[in-house]
Amino acid sequence: MESIGEFFVELINLCIAGIGAVLTGLIMLFPQSPFSAPAAPPAGVDLGYITWVIDFPTMLTHFGAFLAAVITYYGIRVIARWIKMVRS
């Protein structure tokens, strides 16, 4: 009986290690900091002097980071509700 128990323990450990590897790979895709130095506008777009007053590329970068944070929050919220439903 111990060999069957050890088999399932090893199987669960391998599953956890696989999930950890996948999550590590996904995290490695993110940049080091979403709030880095302001980016220059693309070469094809001539925004002229207005970028001295309003830095559109940096605004878009920050808006994208904010949007990702909000989407992550709602995703975790849904998962937490599913876990609560399964538990009760």
N, C-alpha and C. Protein backbone atom coordinates (compact mmCIF):
# COMPACT_ATOMS: atom_id res chain seq x y z
N MET A 1 0.80 -1.20 0.00
CA MET A 1 0.00 0.00 0.00
C MET A 1 0.84 1.26 0.00
N GLU A 2 2.03 1.19 0.57
CA GLU A 2 2.85 2.39 0.62
C GLU A 2 3.32 2.81 -0.76
N SER A 3 3.52 1.87 -1.66
CA SER A 3 3.99 2.23 -2.99
C SER A 3 2.93 2.99 -3.78
N ILE A 4 1.66 2.65 -3.58
CA ILE A 4 0.59 3.38 -4.26
C ILE A 4 0.50 4.79 -3.68
N GLY A 5 0.62 4.91 -2.37
CA GLY A 5 0.60 6.23 -1.74
C GLY A 5 1.76 7.08 -2.19
N GLU A 6 2.94 6.48 -2.27
CA GLU A 6 4.11 7.22 -2.74
C GLU A 6 3.94 7.65 -4.19
N PHE A 7 3.32 6.79 -4.99
CA PHE A 7 3.08 7.13 -6.40
C PHE A 7 2.22 8.38 -6.50
N PHE A 8 1.13 8.42 -5.72
CA PHE A 8 0.24 9.58 -5.79
C PHE A 8 0.90 10.84 -5.23
N VAL A 9 1.72 10.69 -4.20
CA VAL A 9 2.44 11.84 -3.67
C VAL A 9 3.40 12.38 -4.73
N GLU A 10 4.13 11.49 -5.41
CA GLU A 10 5.04 11.92 -6.47
C GLU A 10 4.27 12.57 -7.62
N LEU A 11 3.11 12.01 -7.96
CA LEU A 11 2.29 12.57 -9.04
C LEU A 11 1.82 13.98 -8.68
N ILE A 12 1.36 14.16 -7.46
CA ILE A 12 0.92 15.49 -7.02
C ILE A 12 2.10 16.46 -7.01
N ASN A 13 3.25 16.01 -6.53
CA ASN A 13 4.43 16.88 -6.53
C ASN A 13 4.84 17.28 -7.94
N LEU A 14 4.76 16.36 -8.89
CA LEU A 14 5.08 16.68 -10.29
C LEU A 14 4.08 17.69 -10.86
N CYS A 15 2.80 17.54 -10.52
CA CYS A 15 1.79 18.49 -10.99
C CYS A 15 2.05 19.88 -10.43
N ILE A 16 2.37 19.95 -9.14
CA ILE A 16 2.66 21.24 -8.52
C ILE A 16 3.91 21.87 -9.14
N ALA A 17 4.93 21.05 -9.38
CA ALA A 17 6.16 21.57 -10.01
C ALA A 17 5.87 22.06 -11.43
N GLY A 18 5.02 21.35 -12.16
CA GLY A 18 4.65 21.78 -13.51
C GLY A 18 3.90 23.09 -13.51
N ILE A 19 2.96 23.24 -12.59
CA ILE A 19 2.21 24.50 -12.47
C ILE A 19 3.16 25.63 -12.11
N GLY A 20 4.10 25.35 -11.21
CA GLY A 20 5.08 26.37 -10.84
C GLY A 20 5.95 26.78 -12.01
N ALA A 21 6.34 25.81 -12.83
CA ALA A 21 7.16 26.12 -14.00
C ALA A 21 6.38 26.97 -15.01
N VAL A 22 5.12 26.65 -15.21
CA VAL A 22 4.29 27.41 -16.15
C VAL A 22 4.11 28.84 -15.63
N LEU A 23 3.79 28.99 -14.35
CA LEU A 23 3.62 30.33 -13.79
C LEU A 23 4.91 31.13 -13.84
N THR A 24 6.05 30.47 -13.58
CA THR A 24 7.33 31.16 -13.67
C THR A 24 7.58 31.64 -15.10
N GLY A 25 7.26 30.80 -16.08
CA GLY A 25 7.42 31.20 -17.48
C GLY A 25 6.55 32.39 -17.84
N LEU A 26 5.31 32.39 -17.34
CA LEU A 26 4.42 33.52 -17.62
C LEU A 26 4.91 34.80 -16.96
N ILE A 27 5.40 34.69 -15.74
CA ILE A 27 5.91 35.88 -15.05
C ILE A 27 7.15 36.43 -15.74
N MET A 28 7.97 35.55 -16.31
CA MET A 28 9.19 36.01 -16.99
C MET A 28 8.86 36.80 -18.26
N LEU A 29 7.62 36.67 -18.78
CA LEU A 29 7.23 37.42 -19.97
C LEU A 29 6.98 38.90 -19.65
N PHE A 30 6.68 39.21 -18.38
CA PHE A 30 6.43 40.59 -18.01
C PHE A 30 7.71 41.40 -18.01
N PRO A 31 7.62 42.69 -18.29
CA PRO A 31 8.82 43.55 -18.23
C PRO A 31 9.27 43.76 -16.79
N GLN A 32 10.49 44.25 -16.62
CA GLN A 32 11.01 44.49 -15.28
C GLN A 32 10.19 45.56 -14.57
N SER A 33 9.84 46.63 -15.26
CA SER A 33 9.05 47.69 -14.66
C SER A 33 8.16 48.31 -15.73
N PRO A 34 6.85 48.36 -15.49
CA PRO A 34 5.97 48.99 -16.49
C PRO A 34 6.07 50.51 -16.45
N PHE A 35 6.71 51.07 -15.40
CA PHE A 35 6.80 52.52 -15.26
C PHE A 35 8.23 52.99 -15.50
N SER A 36 8.77 52.64 -16.64
CA SER A 36 10.14 53.04 -16.97
C SER A 36 10.14 54.45 -17.57
N ALA A 37 11.29 54.88 -18.05
CA ALA A 37 11.44 56.21 -18.61
C ALA A 37 10.47 56.41 -19.77
N PRO A 38 10.02 57.64 -20.02
CA PRO A 38 9.07 57.90 -21.10
C PRO A 38 9.62 57.44 -22.45
N ALA A 39 8.76 56.79 -23.20
CA ALA A 39 9.14 56.31 -24.53
C ALA A 39 8.93 57.42 -25.56
N ALA A 40 9.73 57.41 -26.59
CA ALA A 40 9.58 58.37 -27.68
C ALA A 40 8.42 57.93 -28.57
N PRO A 41 7.75 58.87 -29.23
CA PRO A 41 6.66 58.47 -30.12
C PRO A 41 7.21 57.69 -31.31
N PRO A 42 6.40 56.84 -31.92
CA PRO A 42 6.85 56.08 -33.08
C PRO A 42 7.31 57.00 -34.21
N ALA A 43 8.20 56.49 -35.04
CA ALA A 43 8.77 57.30 -36.11
C ALA A 43 7.71 57.72 -37.14
N GLY A 44 6.70 56.89 -37.35
CA GLY A 44 5.69 57.19 -38.35
C GLY A 44 4.68 58.24 -37.91
N VAL A 45 4.64 58.54 -36.62
CA VAL A 45 3.68 59.51 -36.10
C VAL A 45 4.42 60.78 -35.72
N ASP A 46 3.99 61.91 -36.28
CA ASP A 46 4.61 63.18 -35.94
C ASP A 46 3.66 63.95 -35.04
N LEU A 47 3.89 63.87 -33.72
CA LEU A 47 3.00 64.55 -32.79
C LEU A 47 3.44 65.98 -32.53
N GLY A 48 4.61 66.31 -33.00
CA GLY A 48 5.07 67.69 -32.88
C GLY A 48 5.32 68.11 -31.46
N TYR A 49 5.02 69.39 -31.18
CA TYR A 49 5.32 69.97 -29.87
C TYR A 49 4.32 69.56 -28.78
N ILE A 50 3.21 68.92 -29.18
CA ILE A 50 2.22 68.57 -28.16
C ILE A 50 2.75 67.51 -27.19
N THR A 51 3.72 66.70 -27.64
CA THR A 51 4.28 65.69 -26.74
C THR A 51 5.15 66.32 -25.65
N TRP A 52 5.51 67.58 -25.78
CA TRP A 52 6.24 68.26 -24.71
C TRP A 52 5.29 68.56 -23.55
N VAL A 53 4.02 68.78 -23.88
CA VAL A 53 3.03 69.10 -22.86
C VAL A 53 2.36 67.83 -22.34
N ILE A 54 1.91 67.00 -23.26
CA ILE A 54 1.21 65.76 -22.91
C ILE A 54 2.01 64.60 -23.50
N ASP A 55 2.55 63.77 -22.64
CA ASP A 55 3.38 62.65 -23.08
C ASP A 55 2.49 61.43 -23.35
N PHE A 56 1.98 61.36 -24.59
CA PHE A 56 1.04 60.30 -24.94
C PHE A 56 1.62 58.88 -24.80
N PRO A 57 2.83 58.61 -25.26
CA PRO A 57 3.33 57.24 -25.12
C PRO A 57 3.39 56.76 -23.67
N THR A 58 3.82 57.63 -22.77
CA THR A 58 3.87 57.25 -21.36
C THR A 58 2.47 57.09 -20.80
N MET A 59 1.54 57.95 -21.22
CA MET A 59 0.16 57.82 -20.77
C MET A 59 -0.43 56.49 -21.22
N LEU A 60 -0.16 56.11 -22.46
CA LEU A 60 -0.67 54.83 -22.96
C LEU A 60 -0.05 53.66 -22.21
N THR A 61 1.23 53.75 -21.88
CA THR A 61 1.90 52.69 -21.12
C THR A 61 1.28 52.56 -19.74
N HIS A 62 1.06 53.67 -19.06
CA HIS A 62 0.47 53.63 -17.73
C HIS A 62 -0.98 53.16 -17.79
N PHE A 63 -1.72 53.57 -18.81
CA PHE A 63 -3.10 53.11 -18.96
C PHE A 63 -3.13 51.61 -19.19
N GLY A 64 -2.20 51.09 -19.98
CA GLY A 64 -2.12 49.65 -20.20
C GLY A 64 -1.81 48.89 -18.92
N ALA A 65 -0.90 49.43 -18.10
CA ALA A 65 -0.57 48.80 -16.82
C ALA A 65 -1.78 48.82 -15.89
N PHE A 66 -2.49 49.95 -15.86
CA PHE A 66 -3.69 50.06 -15.03
C PHE A 66 -4.76 49.07 -15.50
N LEU A 67 -4.95 48.98 -16.80
CA LEU A 67 -5.94 48.06 -17.35
C LEU A 67 -5.59 46.62 -17.02
N ALA A 68 -4.31 46.26 -17.12
CA ALA A 68 -3.87 44.90 -16.77
C ALA A 68 -4.13 44.62 -15.29
N ALA A 69 -3.90 45.61 -14.42
CA ALA A 69 -4.15 45.42 -13.00
C ALA A 69 -5.64 45.21 -12.72
N VAL A 70 -6.49 45.97 -13.38
CA VAL A 70 -7.94 45.83 -13.18
C VAL A 70 -8.41 44.47 -13.69
N ILE A 71 -7.94 44.05 -14.85
CA ILE A 71 -8.33 42.74 -15.40
C ILE A 71 -7.85 41.63 -14.49
N THR A 72 -6.64 41.74 -13.96
CA THR A 72 -6.12 40.74 -13.04
C THR A 72 -6.98 40.68 -11.78
N TYR A 73 -7.36 41.83 -11.25
CA TYR A 73 -8.21 41.88 -10.05
C TYR A 73 -9.52 41.15 -10.30
N TYR A 74 -10.19 41.45 -11.39
CA TYR A 74 -11.47 40.81 -11.65
C TYR A 74 -11.29 39.32 -11.93
N GLY A 75 -10.20 38.93 -12.57
CA GLY A 75 -9.93 37.51 -12.79
C GLY A 75 -9.74 36.76 -11.49
N ILE A 76 -8.95 37.32 -10.58
CA ILE A 76 -8.73 36.68 -9.28
C ILE A 76 -10.03 36.65 -8.48
N ARG A 77 -10.83 37.69 -8.62
CA ARG A 77 -12.11 37.73 -7.91
C ARG A 77 -13.03 36.60 -8.37
N VAL A 78 -13.09 36.36 -9.67
CA VAL A 78 -13.92 35.28 -10.20
C VAL A 78 -13.40 33.93 -9.72
N ILE A 79 -12.10 33.73 -9.77
CA ILE A 79 -11.52 32.46 -9.32
C ILE A 79 -11.80 32.25 -7.83
N ALA A 80 -11.69 33.31 -7.02
CA ALA A 80 -11.97 33.19 -5.59
C ALA A 80 -13.43 32.81 -5.35
N ARG A 81 -14.33 33.35 -6.14
CA ARG A 81 -15.75 32.98 -5.99
C ARG A 81 -15.97 31.52 -6.39
N TRP A 82 -15.29 31.05 -7.43
CA TRP A 82 -15.42 29.65 -7.82
C TRP A 82 -14.91 28.75 -6.70
N ILE A 83 -13.79 29.11 -6.12
CA ILE A 83 -13.23 28.30 -5.03
C ILE A 83 -14.20 28.28 -3.84
N LYS A 84 -14.82 29.41 -3.56
CA LYS A 84 -15.77 29.48 -2.45
C LYS A 84 -16.99 28.62 -2.74
N MET A 85 -17.44 28.57 -3.99
CA MET A 85 -18.58 27.74 -4.36
C MET A 85 -18.24 26.27 -4.24
N VAL A 86 -17.03 25.89 -4.62
CA VAL A 86 -16.65 24.49 -4.56
C VAL A 86 -16.51 24.04 -3.11
N ARG A 87 -16.01 24.93 -2.27
CA ARG A 87 -15.76 24.58 -0.88
C ARG A 87 -17.05 24.43 -0.10
N SER A 88 -18.07 25.22 -0.41
CA SER A 88 -19.29 25.16 0.40
C SER A 88 -20.33 24.22 -0.16
